[in-house]
Amino acid sequence: MEWLNHTKASIEYFSLSNSSVENGQLTDPAHWAVADVVNYFKATGFEEQANAFQDQEIDGKSLLLMTRNDVLTGLSIKLGPALKIYEYHVKPLQTQHLKSTVS
């Protein structure tokens, strides 16, 4: 649940400068542009690593398709931050997206 608290705390900051938040809730990441993905990771405390998503032109649709291996090896991010990014952000965003498309 730590990721949830961290993510919720970051949403307020993220919403100040990003159109991917509506009514305090993240919009579906499938609609995010590359800049939205970059801003999301900057807002969640991964400012340095956010550049890797920019360099690889990862938009929301691409983010939702990423595997653990993609994040760990494909972005040239140090192992510790890459694990946290995948477990606390990418994986939960994928789960949230799947739940919203099934409902």
PDB file of N, CA and C in Angstrom:
ATOM      1  N   MET A   1       0.810  -1.200   0.000  1.00  0.00           N
ATOM      2  CA  MET A   1       0.000   0.000   0.000  1.00  0.00           C
ATOM      3  C   MET A   1       0.853   1.264   0.000  1.00  0.00           C
ATOM      4  N   GLU A   2       2.156   1.106   0.229  1.00  0.00           N
ATOM      5  CA  GLU A   2       3.032   2.268   0.235  1.00  0.00           C
ATOM      6  C   GLU A   2       2.962   3.014  -1.098  1.00  0.00           C
ATOM      7  N   TRP A   3       2.925   2.250  -2.207  1.00  0.00           N
ATOM      8  CA  TRP A   3       2.869   2.885  -3.524  1.00  0.00           C
ATOM      9  C   TRP A   3       1.610   3.713  -3.666  1.00  0.00           C
ATOM     10  N   LEU A   4       0.508   3.234  -3.075  1.00  0.00           N
ATOM     11  CA  LEU A   4      -0.759   3.946  -3.185  1.00  0.00           C
ATOM     12  C   LEU A   4      -0.677   5.293  -2.484  1.00  0.00           C
ATOM     13  N   ASN A   5      -0.139   5.308  -1.276  1.00  0.00           N
ATOM     14  CA  ASN A   5       0.006   6.566  -0.543  1.00  0.00           C
ATOM     15  C   ASN A   5       0.950   7.510  -1.272  1.00  0.00           C
ATOM     16  N   HIS A   6       2.044   6.985  -1.784  1.00  0.00           N
ATOM     17  CA  HIS A   6       3.005   7.803  -2.517  1.00  0.00           C
ATOM     18  C   HIS A   6       2.372   8.359  -3.782  1.00  0.00           C
ATOM     19  N   THR A   7       1.628   7.519  -4.485  1.00  0.00           N
ATOM     20  CA  THR A   7       0.988   7.942  -5.721  1.00  0.00           C
ATOM     21  C   THR A   7      -0.094   8.992  -5.447  1.00  0.00           C
ATOM     22  N   LYS A   8      -0.915   8.774  -4.423  1.00  0.00           N
ATOM     23  CA  LYS A   8      -1.964   9.744  -4.092  1.00  0.00           C
ATOM     24  C   LYS A   8      -1.373  11.086  -3.709  1.00  0.00           C
ATOM     25  N   ALA A   9      -0.289  11.062  -2.935  1.00  0.00           N
ATOM     26  CA  ALA A   9       0.357  12.307  -2.537  1.00  0.00           C
ATOM     27  C   ALA A   9       0.916  13.045  -3.744  1.00  0.00           C
ATOM     28  N   SER A  10       1.348  12.303  -4.734  1.00  0.00           N
ATOM     29  CA  SER A  10       1.930  12.916  -5.921  1.00  0.00           C
ATOM     30  C   SER A  10       0.886  13.454  -6.884  1.00  0.00           C
ATOM     31  N   ILE A  11      -0.330  12.945  -6.803  1.00  0.00           N
ATOM     32  CA  ILE A  11      -1.378  13.358  -7.739  1.00  0.00           C
ATOM     33  C   ILE A  11      -1.663  14.848  -7.613  1.00  0.00           C
ATOM     34  N   GLU A  12      -1.671  15.371  -6.385  1.00  0.00           N
ATOM     35  CA  GLU A  12      -1.950  16.797  -6.205  1.00  0.00           C
ATOM     36  C   GLU A  12      -0.929  17.637  -6.950  1.00  0.00           C
ATOM     37  N   TYR A  13       0.358  17.328  -6.788  1.00  0.00           N
ATOM     38  CA  TYR A  13       1.393  18.065  -7.492  1.00  0.00           C
ATOM     39  C   TYR A  13       1.246  17.869  -8.992  1.00  0.00           C
ATOM     40  N   PHE A  14       1.037  16.632  -9.379  1.00  0.00           N
ATOM     41  CA  PHE A  14       0.917  16.269 -10.786  1.00  0.00           C
ATOM     42  C   PHE A  14      -0.236  17.021 -11.427  1.00  0.00           C
ATOM     43  N   SER A  15      -1.336  17.189 -10.706  1.00  0.00           N
ATOM     44  CA  SER A  15      -2.522  17.819 -11.281  1.00  0.00           C
ATOM     45  C   SER A  15      -2.338  19.314 -11.515  1.00  0.00           C
ATOM     46  N   LEU A  16      -1.407  19.921 -10.825  1.00  0.00           N
ATOM     47  CA  LEU A  16      -1.192  21.346 -11.006  1.00  0.00           C
ATOM     48  C   LEU A  16      -0.642  21.674 -12.389  1.00  0.00           C
ATOM     49  N   SER A  17       0.104  20.735 -12.952  1.00  0.00           N
ATOM     50  CA  SER A  17       0.755  21.043 -14.217  1.00  0.00           C
ATOM     51  C   SER A  17       0.433  20.056 -15.328  1.00  0.00           C
ATOM     52  N   ASN A  18      -0.586  19.225 -15.146  1.00  0.00           N
ATOM     53  CA  ASN A  18      -0.794  18.185 -16.128  1.00  0.00           C
ATOM     54  C   ASN A  18      -2.266  17.995 -16.437  1.00  0.00           C
ATOM     55  N   SER A  19      -2.560  17.813 -17.684  1.00  0.00           N
ATOM     56  CA  SER A  19      -3.940  17.620 -18.104  1.00  0.00           C
ATOM     57  C   SER A  19      -4.403  16.179 -17.931  1.00  0.00           C
ATOM     58  N   SER A  20      -3.532  15.298 -17.448  1.00  0.00           N
ATOM     59  CA  SER A  20      -3.895  13.893 -17.294  1.00  0.00           C
ATOM     60  C   SER A  20      -4.568  13.596 -15.968  1.00  0.00           C
ATOM     61  N   VAL A  21      -4.943  14.642 -15.245  1.00  0.00           N
ATOM     62  CA  VAL A  21      -5.667  14.469 -13.997  1.00  0.00           C
ATOM     63  C   VAL A  21      -6.961  15.244 -14.103  1.00  0.00           C
ATOM     64  N   GLU A  22      -8.061  14.567 -13.851  1.00  0.00           N
ATOM     65  CA  GLU A  22      -9.368  15.213 -13.866  1.00  0.00           C
ATOM     66  C   GLU A  22     -10.057  14.930 -12.542  1.00  0.00           C
ATOM     67  N   ASN A  23     -10.554  15.979 -11.878  1.00  0.00           N
ATOM     68  CA  ASN A  23     -11.256  15.833 -10.603  1.00  0.00           C
ATOM     69  C   ASN A  23     -10.437  15.049  -9.584  1.00  0.00           C
ATOM     70  N   GLY A  24      -9.119  15.289  -9.544  1.00  0.00           N
ATOM     71  CA  GLY A  24      -8.264  14.623  -8.579  1.00  0.00           C
ATOM     72  C   GLY A  24      -7.941  13.182  -8.905  1.00  0.00           C
ATOM     73  N   GLN A  25      -8.401  12.683 -10.042  1.00  0.00           N
ATOM     74  CA  GLN A  25      -8.145  11.299 -10.449  1.00  0.00           C
ATOM     75  C   GLN A  25      -7.312  11.295 -11.733  1.00  0.00           C
ATOM     76  N   LEU A  26      -6.386  10.352 -11.798  1.00  0.00           N
ATOM     77  CA  LEU A  26      -5.615  10.201 -13.026  1.00  0.00           C
ATOM     78  C   LEU A  26      -6.532   9.746 -14.145  1.00  0.00           C
ATOM     79  N   THR A  27      -6.385  10.347 -15.311  1.00  0.00           N
ATOM     80  CA  THR A  27      -7.137   9.863 -16.461  1.00  0.00           C
ATOM     81  C   THR A  27      -6.513   8.545 -16.907  1.00  0.00           C
ATOM     82  N   ASP A  28      -7.157   7.872 -17.791  1.00  0.00           N
ATOM     83  CA  ASP A  28      -6.653   6.593 -18.295  1.00  0.00           C
ATOM     84  C   ASP A  28      -5.288   6.813 -18.940  1.00  0.00           C
ATOM     85  N   PRO A  29      -4.260   6.128 -18.456  1.00  0.00           N
ATOM     86  CA  PRO A  29      -2.918   6.304 -19.019  1.00  0.00           C
ATOM     87  C   PRO A  29      -2.839   6.004 -20.516  1.00  0.00           C
ATOM     88  N   ALA A  30      -3.787   5.267 -21.046  1.00  0.00           N
ATOM     89  CA  ALA A  30      -3.779   4.966 -22.480  1.00  0.00           C
ATOM     90  C   ALA A  30      -3.884   6.236 -23.317  1.00  0.00           C
ATOM     91  N   HIS A  31      -4.349   7.310 -22.707  1.00  0.00           N
ATOM     92  CA  HIS A  31      -4.507   8.583 -23.419  1.00  0.00           C
ATOM     93  C   HIS A  31      -3.354   9.554 -23.184  1.00  0.00           C
ATOM     94  N   TRP A  32      -2.357   9.148 -22.412  1.00  0.00           N
ATOM     95  CA  TRP A  32      -1.245  10.035 -22.100  1.00  0.00           C
ATOM     96  C   TRP A  32      -0.292  10.179 -23.271  1.00  0.00           C
ATOM     97  N   ALA A  33       0.191  11.380 -23.472  1.00  0.00           N
ATOM     98  CA  ALA A  33       1.264  11.653 -24.426  1.00  0.00           C
ATOM     99  C   ALA A  33       2.597  11.372 -23.717  1.00  0.00           C
ATOM    100  N   VAL A  34       3.680  11.405 -24.459  1.00  0.00           N
ATOM    101  CA  VAL A  34       5.008  11.197 -23.868  1.00  0.00           C
ATOM    102  C   VAL A  34       5.234  12.198 -22.733  1.00  0.00           C
ATOM    103  N   ALA A  35       4.870  13.440 -22.938  1.00  0.00           N
ATOM    104  CA  ALA A  35       5.068  14.472 -21.912  1.00  0.00           C
ATOM    105  C   ALA A  35       4.292  14.150 -20.635  1.00  0.00           C
ATOM    106  N   ASP A  36       3.117  13.558 -20.770  1.00  0.00           N
ATOM    107  CA  ASP A  36       2.327  13.183 -19.598  1.00  0.00           C
ATOM    108  C   ASP A  36       3.026  12.083 -18.801  1.00  0.00           C
ATOM    109  N   VAL A  37       3.582  11.107 -19.492  1.00  0.00           N
ATOM    110  CA  VAL A  37       4.316  10.027 -18.831  1.00  0.00           C
ATOM    111  C   VAL A  37       5.524  10.601 -18.103  1.00  0.00           C
ATOM    112  N   VAL A  38       6.258  11.460 -18.767  1.00  0.00           N
ATOM    113  CA  VAL A  38       7.440  12.083 -18.174  1.00  0.00           C
ATOM    114  C   VAL A  38       7.033  12.893 -16.942  1.00  0.00           C
ATOM    115  N   ASN A  39       5.997  13.693 -17.064  1.00  0.00           N
ATOM    116  CA  ASN A  39       5.538  14.508 -15.929  1.00  0.00           C
ATOM    117  C   ASN A  39       5.058  13.643 -14.771  1.00  0.00           C
ATOM    118  N   TYR A  40       4.409  12.530 -15.066  1.00  0.00           N
ATOM    119  CA  TYR A  40       3.954  11.620 -14.019  1.00  0.00           C
ATOM    120  C   TYR A  40       5.148  11.115 -13.213  1.00  0.00           C
ATOM    121  N   PHE A  41       6.180  10.644 -13.890  1.00  0.00           N
ATOM    122  CA  PHE A  41       7.330  10.108 -13.161  1.00  0.00           C
ATOM    123  C   PHE A  41       8.115  11.200 -12.449  1.00  0.00           C
ATOM    124  N   LYS A  42       8.164  12.378 -13.004  1.00  0.00           N
ATOM    125  CA  LYS A  42       8.797  13.491 -12.288  1.00  0.00           C
ATOM    126  C   LYS A  42       8.023  13.801 -11.010  1.00  0.00           C
ATOM    127  N   ALA A  43       6.704  13.818 -11.106  1.00  0.00           N
ATOM    128  CA  ALA A  43       5.855  14.145  -9.959  1.00  0.00           C
ATOM    129  C   ALA A  43       5.898  13.074  -8.883  1.00  0.00           C
ATOM    130  N   THR A  44       6.205  11.838  -9.266  1.00  0.00           N
ATOM    131  CA  THR A  44       6.237  10.761  -8.283  1.00  0.00           C
ATOM    132  C   THR A  44       7.634  10.543  -7.713  1.00  0.00           C
ATOM    133  N   GLY A  45       8.543  11.466  -7.989  1.00  0.00           N
ATOM    134  CA  GLY A  45       9.864  11.415  -7.372  1.00  0.00           C
ATOM    135  C   GLY A  45      10.961  10.794  -8.208  1.00  0.00           C
ATOM    136  N   PHE A  46      10.696  10.528  -9.455  1.00  0.00           N
ATOM    137  CA  PHE A  46      11.691   9.909 -10.333  1.00  0.00           C
ATOM    138  C   PHE A  46      12.103  10.890 -11.423  1.00  0.00           C
ATOM    139  N   GLU A  47      12.525  12.076 -11.002  1.00  0.00           N
ATOM    140  CA  GLU A  47      12.858  13.139 -11.953  1.00  0.00           C
ATOM    141  C   GLU A  47      13.967  12.731 -12.910  1.00  0.00           C
ATOM    142  N   GLU A  48      15.024  12.130 -12.376  1.00  0.00           N
ATOM    143  CA  GLU A  48      16.156  11.731 -13.209  1.00  0.00           C
ATOM    144  C   GLU A  48      15.763  10.612 -14.178  1.00  0.00           C
ATOM    145  N   GLN A  49      14.998   9.649 -13.678  1.00  0.00           N
ATOM    146  CA  GLN A  49      14.611   8.503 -14.499  1.00  0.00           C
ATOM    147  C   GLN A  49      13.549   8.863 -15.535  1.00  0.00           C
ATOM    148  N   ALA A  50      12.809   9.929 -15.299  1.00  0.00           N
ATOM    149  CA  ALA A  50      11.761  10.338 -16.242  1.00  0.00           C
ATOM    150  C   ALA A  50      12.336  10.613 -17.627  1.00  0.00           C
ATOM    151  N   ASN A  51      13.584  11.063 -17.659  1.00  0.00           N
ATOM    152  CA  ASN A  51      14.221  11.351 -18.942  1.00  0.00           C
ATOM    153  C   ASN A  51      14.340  10.105 -19.818  1.00  0.00           C
ATOM    154  N   ALA A  52      14.457   8.938 -19.199  1.00  0.00           N
ATOM    155  CA  ALA A  52      14.550   7.696 -19.976  1.00  0.00           C
ATOM    156  C   ALA A  52      13.261   7.447 -20.749  1.00  0.00           C
ATOM    157  N   PHE A  53      12.118   7.805 -20.146  1.00  0.00           N
ATOM    158  CA  PHE A  53      10.840   7.642 -20.839  1.00  0.00           C
ATOM    159  C   PHE A  53      10.742   8.629 -22.000  1.00  0.00           C
ATOM    160  N   GLN A  54      11.303   9.821 -21.814  1.00  0.00           N
ATOM    161  CA  GLN A  54      11.348  10.821 -22.884  1.00  0.00           C
ATOM    162  C   GLN A  54      12.242  10.325 -24.015  1.00  0.00           C
ATOM    163  N   ASP A  55      13.442   9.860 -23.647  1.00  0.00           N
ATOM    164  CA  ASP A  55      14.408   9.405 -24.659  1.00  0.00           C
ATOM    165  C   ASP A  55      13.863   8.257 -25.495  1.00  0.00           C
ATOM    166  N   GLN A  56      13.103   7.369 -24.870  1.00  0.00           N
ATOM    167  CA  GLN A  56      12.549   6.213 -25.576  1.00  0.00           C
ATOM    168  C   GLN A  56      11.157   6.488 -26.157  1.00  0.00           C
ATOM    169  N   GLU A  57      10.669   7.725 -25.976  1.00  0.00           N
ATOM    170  CA  GLU A  57       9.364   8.152 -26.500  1.00  0.00           C
ATOM    171  C   GLU A  57       8.238   7.226 -26.039  1.00  0.00           C
ATOM    172  N   ILE A  58       8.203   6.973 -24.727  1.00  0.00           N
ATOM    173  CA  ILE A  58       7.175   6.113 -24.140  1.00  0.00           C
ATOM    174  C   ILE A  58       5.938   6.942 -23.832  1.00  0.00           C
ATOM    175  N   ASP A  59       4.877   6.689 -24.556  1.00  0.00           N
ATOM    176  CA  ASP A  59       3.602   7.354 -24.266  1.00  0.00           C
ATOM    177  C   ASP A  59       2.773   6.417 -23.394  1.00  0.00           C
ATOM    178  N   GLY A  60       1.555   6.797 -23.098  1.00  0.00           N
ATOM    179  CA  GLY A  60       0.713   6.006 -22.212  1.00  0.00           C
ATOM    180  C   GLY A  60       0.430   4.612 -22.729  1.00  0.00           C
ATOM    181  N   LYS A  61       0.140   4.496 -24.021  1.00  0.00           N
ATOM    182  CA  LYS A  61      -0.133   3.168 -24.584  1.00  0.00           C
ATOM    183  C   LYS A  61       1.089   2.267 -24.472  1.00  0.00           C
ATOM    184  N   SER A  62       2.251   2.828 -24.747  1.00  0.00           N
ATOM    185  CA  SER A  62       3.488   2.048 -24.627  1.00  0.00           C
ATOM    186  C   SER A  62       3.752   1.675 -23.172  1.00  0.00           C
ATOM    187  N   LEU A  63       3.505   2.605 -22.267  1.00  0.00           N
ATOM    188  CA  LEU A  63       3.702   2.348 -20.845  1.00  0.00           C
ATOM    189  C   LEU A  63       2.861   1.168 -20.375  1.00  0.00           C
ATOM    190  N   LEU A  64       1.620   1.120 -20.849  1.00  0.00           N
ATOM    191  CA  LEU A  64       0.717   0.046 -20.437  1.00  0.00           C
ATOM    192  C   LEU A  64       1.114  -1.315 -21.007  1.00  0.00           C
ATOM    193  N   LEU A  65       1.945  -1.316 -22.031  1.00  0.00           N
ATOM    194  CA  LEU A  65       2.407  -2.568 -22.634  1.00  0.00           C
ATOM    195  C   LEU A  65       3.753  -3.039 -22.084  1.00  0.00           C
ATOM    196  N   MET A  66       4.392  -2.221 -21.265  1.00  0.00           N
ATOM    197  CA  MET A  66       5.733  -2.539 -20.775  1.00  0.00           C
ATOM    198  C   MET A  66       5.712  -3.708 -19.795  1.00  0.00           C
ATOM    199  N   THR A  67       6.686  -4.569 -19.953  1.00  0.00           N
ATOM    200  CA  THR A  67       6.874  -5.675 -19.024  1.00  0.00           C
ATOM    201  C   THR A  67       7.915  -5.260 -17.980  1.00  0.00           C
ATOM    202  N   ARG A  68       8.031  -6.080 -16.969  1.00  0.00           N
ATOM    203  CA  ARG A  68       9.051  -5.828 -15.942  1.00  0.00           C
ATOM    204  C   ARG A  68      10.432  -5.774 -16.588  1.00  0.00           C
ATOM    205  N   ASN A  69      10.694  -6.695 -17.494  1.00  0.00           N
ATOM    206  CA  ASN A  69      11.986  -6.738 -18.176  1.00  0.00           C
ATOM    207  C   ASN A  69      12.232  -5.482 -19.009  1.00  0.00           C
ATOM    208  N   ASP A  70      11.193  -4.956 -19.638  1.00  0.00           N
ATOM    209  CA  ASP A  70      11.339  -3.721 -20.416  1.00  0.00           C
ATOM    210  C   ASP A  70      11.842  -2.580 -19.535  1.00  0.00           C
ATOM    211  N   VAL A  71      11.236  -2.460 -18.355  1.00  0.00           N
ATOM    212  CA  VAL A  71      11.611  -1.370 -17.445  1.00  0.00           C
ATOM    213  C   VAL A  71      13.015  -1.597 -16.888  1.00  0.00           C
ATOM    214  N   LEU A  72      13.319  -2.848 -16.530  1.00  0.00           N
ATOM    215  CA  LEU A  72      14.612  -3.140 -15.908  1.00  0.00           C
ATOM    216  C   LEU A  72      15.778  -3.055 -16.880  1.00  0.00           C
ATOM    217  N   THR A  73      15.557  -3.408 -18.138  1.00  0.00           N
ATOM    218  CA  THR A  73      16.691  -3.460 -19.071  1.00  0.00           C
ATOM    219  C   THR A  73      16.572  -2.510 -20.262  1.00  0.00           C
ATOM    220  N   GLY A  74      15.377  -2.152 -20.632  1.00  0.00           N
ATOM    221  CA  GLY A  74      15.199  -1.375 -21.860  1.00  0.00           C
ATOM    222  C   GLY A  74      15.323   0.130 -21.708  1.00  0.00           C
ATOM    223  N   LEU A  75      15.325   0.619 -20.483  1.00  0.00           N
ATOM    224  CA  LEU A  75      15.334   2.071 -20.281  1.00  0.00           C
ATOM    225  C   LEU A  75      16.670   2.610 -19.773  1.00  0.00           C
ATOM    226  N   SER A  76      17.623   1.731 -19.532  1.00  0.00           N
ATOM    227  CA  SER A  76      18.935   2.135 -19.001  1.00  0.00           C
ATOM    228  C   SER A  76      18.806   2.912 -17.689  1.00  0.00           C
ATOM    229  N   ILE A  77      17.971   2.401 -16.811  1.00  0.00           N
ATOM    230  CA  ILE A  77      17.770   2.988 -15.485  1.00  0.00           C
ATOM    231  C   ILE A  77      18.439   2.052 -14.478  1.00  0.00           C
ATOM    232  N   LYS A  78      19.025   2.613 -13.422  1.00  0.00           N
ATOM    233  CA  LYS A  78      19.626   1.790 -12.376  1.00  0.00           C
ATOM    234  C   LYS A  78      18.580   0.834 -11.814  1.00  0.00           C
ATOM    235  N   LEU A  79      19.050  -0.330 -11.366  1.00  0.00           N
ATOM    236  CA  LEU A  79      18.172  -1.406 -10.944  1.00  0.00           C
ATOM    237  C   LEU A  79      17.192  -1.004  -9.838  1.00  0.00           C
ATOM    238  N   GLY A  80      17.666  -0.353  -8.792  1.00  0.00           N
ATOM    239  CA  GLY A  80      16.790   0.016  -7.671  1.00  0.00           C
ATOM    240  C   GLY A  80      15.616   0.878  -8.109  1.00  0.00           C
ATOM    241  N   PRO A  81      15.883   2.018  -8.737  1.00  0.00           N
ATOM    242  CA  PRO A  81      14.769   2.846  -9.203  1.00  0.00           C
ATOM    243  C   PRO A  81      13.892   2.134 -10.225  1.00  0.00           C
ATOM    244  N   ALA A  82      14.488   1.324 -11.095  1.00  0.00           N
ATOM    245  CA  ALA A  82      13.702   0.612 -12.110  1.00  0.00           C
ATOM    246  C   ALA A  82      12.718  -0.348 -11.458  1.00  0.00           C
ATOM    247  N   LEU A  83      13.162  -1.067 -10.416  1.00  0.00           N
ATOM    248  CA  LEU A  83      12.258  -1.971  -9.704  1.00  0.00           C
ATOM    249  C   LEU A  83      11.099  -1.206  -9.075  1.00  0.00           C
ATOM    250  N   LYS A  84      11.411  -0.076  -8.451  1.00  0.00           N
ATOM    251  CA  LYS A  84      10.361   0.730  -7.809  1.00  0.00           C
ATOM    252  C   LYS A  84       9.398   1.293  -8.848  1.00  0.00           C
ATOM    253  N   ILE A  85       9.929   1.761  -9.946  1.00  0.00           N
ATOM    254  CA  ILE A  85       9.073   2.305 -11.014  1.00  0.00           C
ATOM    255  C   ILE A  85       8.111   1.236 -11.509  1.00  0.00           C
ATOM    256  N   TYR A  86       8.621   0.039 -11.733  1.00  0.00           N
ATOM    257  CA  TYR A  86       7.738  -1.011 -12.241  1.00  0.00           C
ATOM    258  C   TYR A  86       6.722  -1.446 -11.184  1.00  0.00           C
ATOM    259  N   GLU A  87       7.190  -1.798 -10.000  1.00  0.00           N
ATOM    260  CA  GLU A  87       6.305  -2.356  -8.967  1.00  0.00           C
ATOM    261  C   GLU A  87       5.307  -1.354  -8.419  1.00  0.00           C
ATOM    262  N   TYR A  88       5.731  -0.111  -8.212  1.00  0.00           N
ATOM    263  CA  TYR A  88       4.874   0.882  -7.558  1.00  0.00           C
ATOM    264  C   TYR A  88       4.119   1.791  -8.517  1.00  0.00           C
ATOM    265  N   HIS A  89       4.478   1.752  -9.797  1.00  0.00           N
ATOM    266  CA  HIS A  89       3.830   2.677 -10.729  1.00  0.00           C
ATOM    267  C   HIS A  89       3.331   1.996 -11.995  1.00  0.00           C
ATOM    268  N   VAL A  90       4.224   1.375 -12.760  1.00  0.00           N
ATOM    269  CA  VAL A  90       3.804   0.782 -14.034  1.00  0.00           C
ATOM    270  C   VAL A  90       2.778  -0.322 -13.799  1.00  0.00           C
ATOM    271  N   LYS A  91       3.103  -1.259 -12.944  1.00  0.00           N
ATOM    272  CA  LYS A  91       2.205  -2.388 -12.689  1.00  0.00           C
ATOM    273  C   LYS A  91       0.843  -1.920 -12.147  1.00  0.00           C
ATOM    274  N   PRO A  92       0.804  -1.021 -11.145  1.00  0.00           N
ATOM    275  CA  PRO A  92      -0.503  -0.530 -10.678  1.00  0.00           C
ATOM    276  C   PRO A  92      -1.280   0.247 -11.751  1.00  0.00           C
ATOM    277  N   LEU A  93      -0.589   1.022 -12.585  1.00  0.00           N
ATOM    278  CA  LEU A  93      -1.279   1.728 -13.663  1.00  0.00           C
ATOM    279  C   LEU A  93      -1.875   0.731 -14.657  1.00  0.00           C
ATOM    280  N   GLN A  94      -1.149  -0.345 -14.938  1.00  0.00           N
ATOM    281  CA  GLN A  94      -1.668  -1.376 -15.837  1.00  0.00           C
ATOM    282  C   GLN A  94      -2.899  -2.045 -15.233  1.00  0.00           C
ATOM    283  N   THR A  95      -2.831  -2.341 -13.946  1.00  0.00           N
ATOM    284  CA  THR A  95      -3.966  -2.966 -13.260  1.00  0.00           C
ATOM    285  C   THR A  95      -5.175  -2.041 -13.259  1.00  0.00           C
ATOM    286  N   GLN A  96      -4.938  -0.770 -12.958  1.00  0.00           N
ATOM    287  CA  GLN A  96      -6.018   0.228 -12.953  1.00  0.00           C
ATOM    288  C   GLN A  96      -6.656   0.326 -14.332  1.00  0.00           C
ATOM    289  N   HIS A  97      -5.843   0.336 -15.359  1.00  0.00           N
ATOM    290  CA  HIS A  97      -6.347   0.422 -16.734  1.00  0.00           C
ATOM    291  C   HIS A  97      -7.199  -0.793 -17.078  1.00  0.00           C
ATOM    292  N   LEU A  98      -6.711  -1.970 -16.724  1.00  0.00           N
ATOM    293  CA  LEU A  98      -7.471  -3.189 -17.011  1.00  0.00           C
ATOM    294  C   LEU A  98      -8.812  -3.193 -16.289  1.00  0.00           C
ATOM    295  N   LYS A  99      -8.826  -2.768 -15.045  1.00  0.00           N
ATOM    296  CA  LYS A  99     -10.080  -2.721 -14.281  1.00  0.00           C
ATOM    297  C   LYS A  99     -11.065  -1.727 -14.895  1.00  0.00           C
ATOM    298  N   SER A 100     -10.549  -0.605 -15.374  1.00  0.00           N
ATOM    299  CA  SER A 100     -11.443   0.408 -15.944  1.00  0.00           C
ATOM    300  C   SER A 100     -11.986  -0.004 -17.306  1.00  0.00           C
ATOM    301  N   THR A 101     -11.236  -0.814 -18.052  1.00  0.00           N
ATOM    302  CA  THR A 101     -11.727  -1.247 -19.354  1.00  0.00           C
ATOM    303  C   THR A 101     -12.681  -2.423 -19.251  1.00  0.00           C
ATOM    304  N   VAL A 102     -12.582  -3.185 -18.160  1.00  0.00           N
ATOM    305  CA  VAL A 102     -13.471  -4.330 -17.962  1.00  0.00           C
ATOM    306  C   VAL A 102     -14.819  -3.873 -17.434  1.00  0.00           C
ATOM    307  N   SER A 103     -14.834  -2.813 -16.607  1.00  0.00           N
ATOM    308  CA  SER A 103     -16.100  -2.353 -15.996  1.00  0.00           C
ATOM    309  C   SER A 103     -17.026  -1.735 -16.981  1.00  0.00           C
TER     310      SER A 103
END
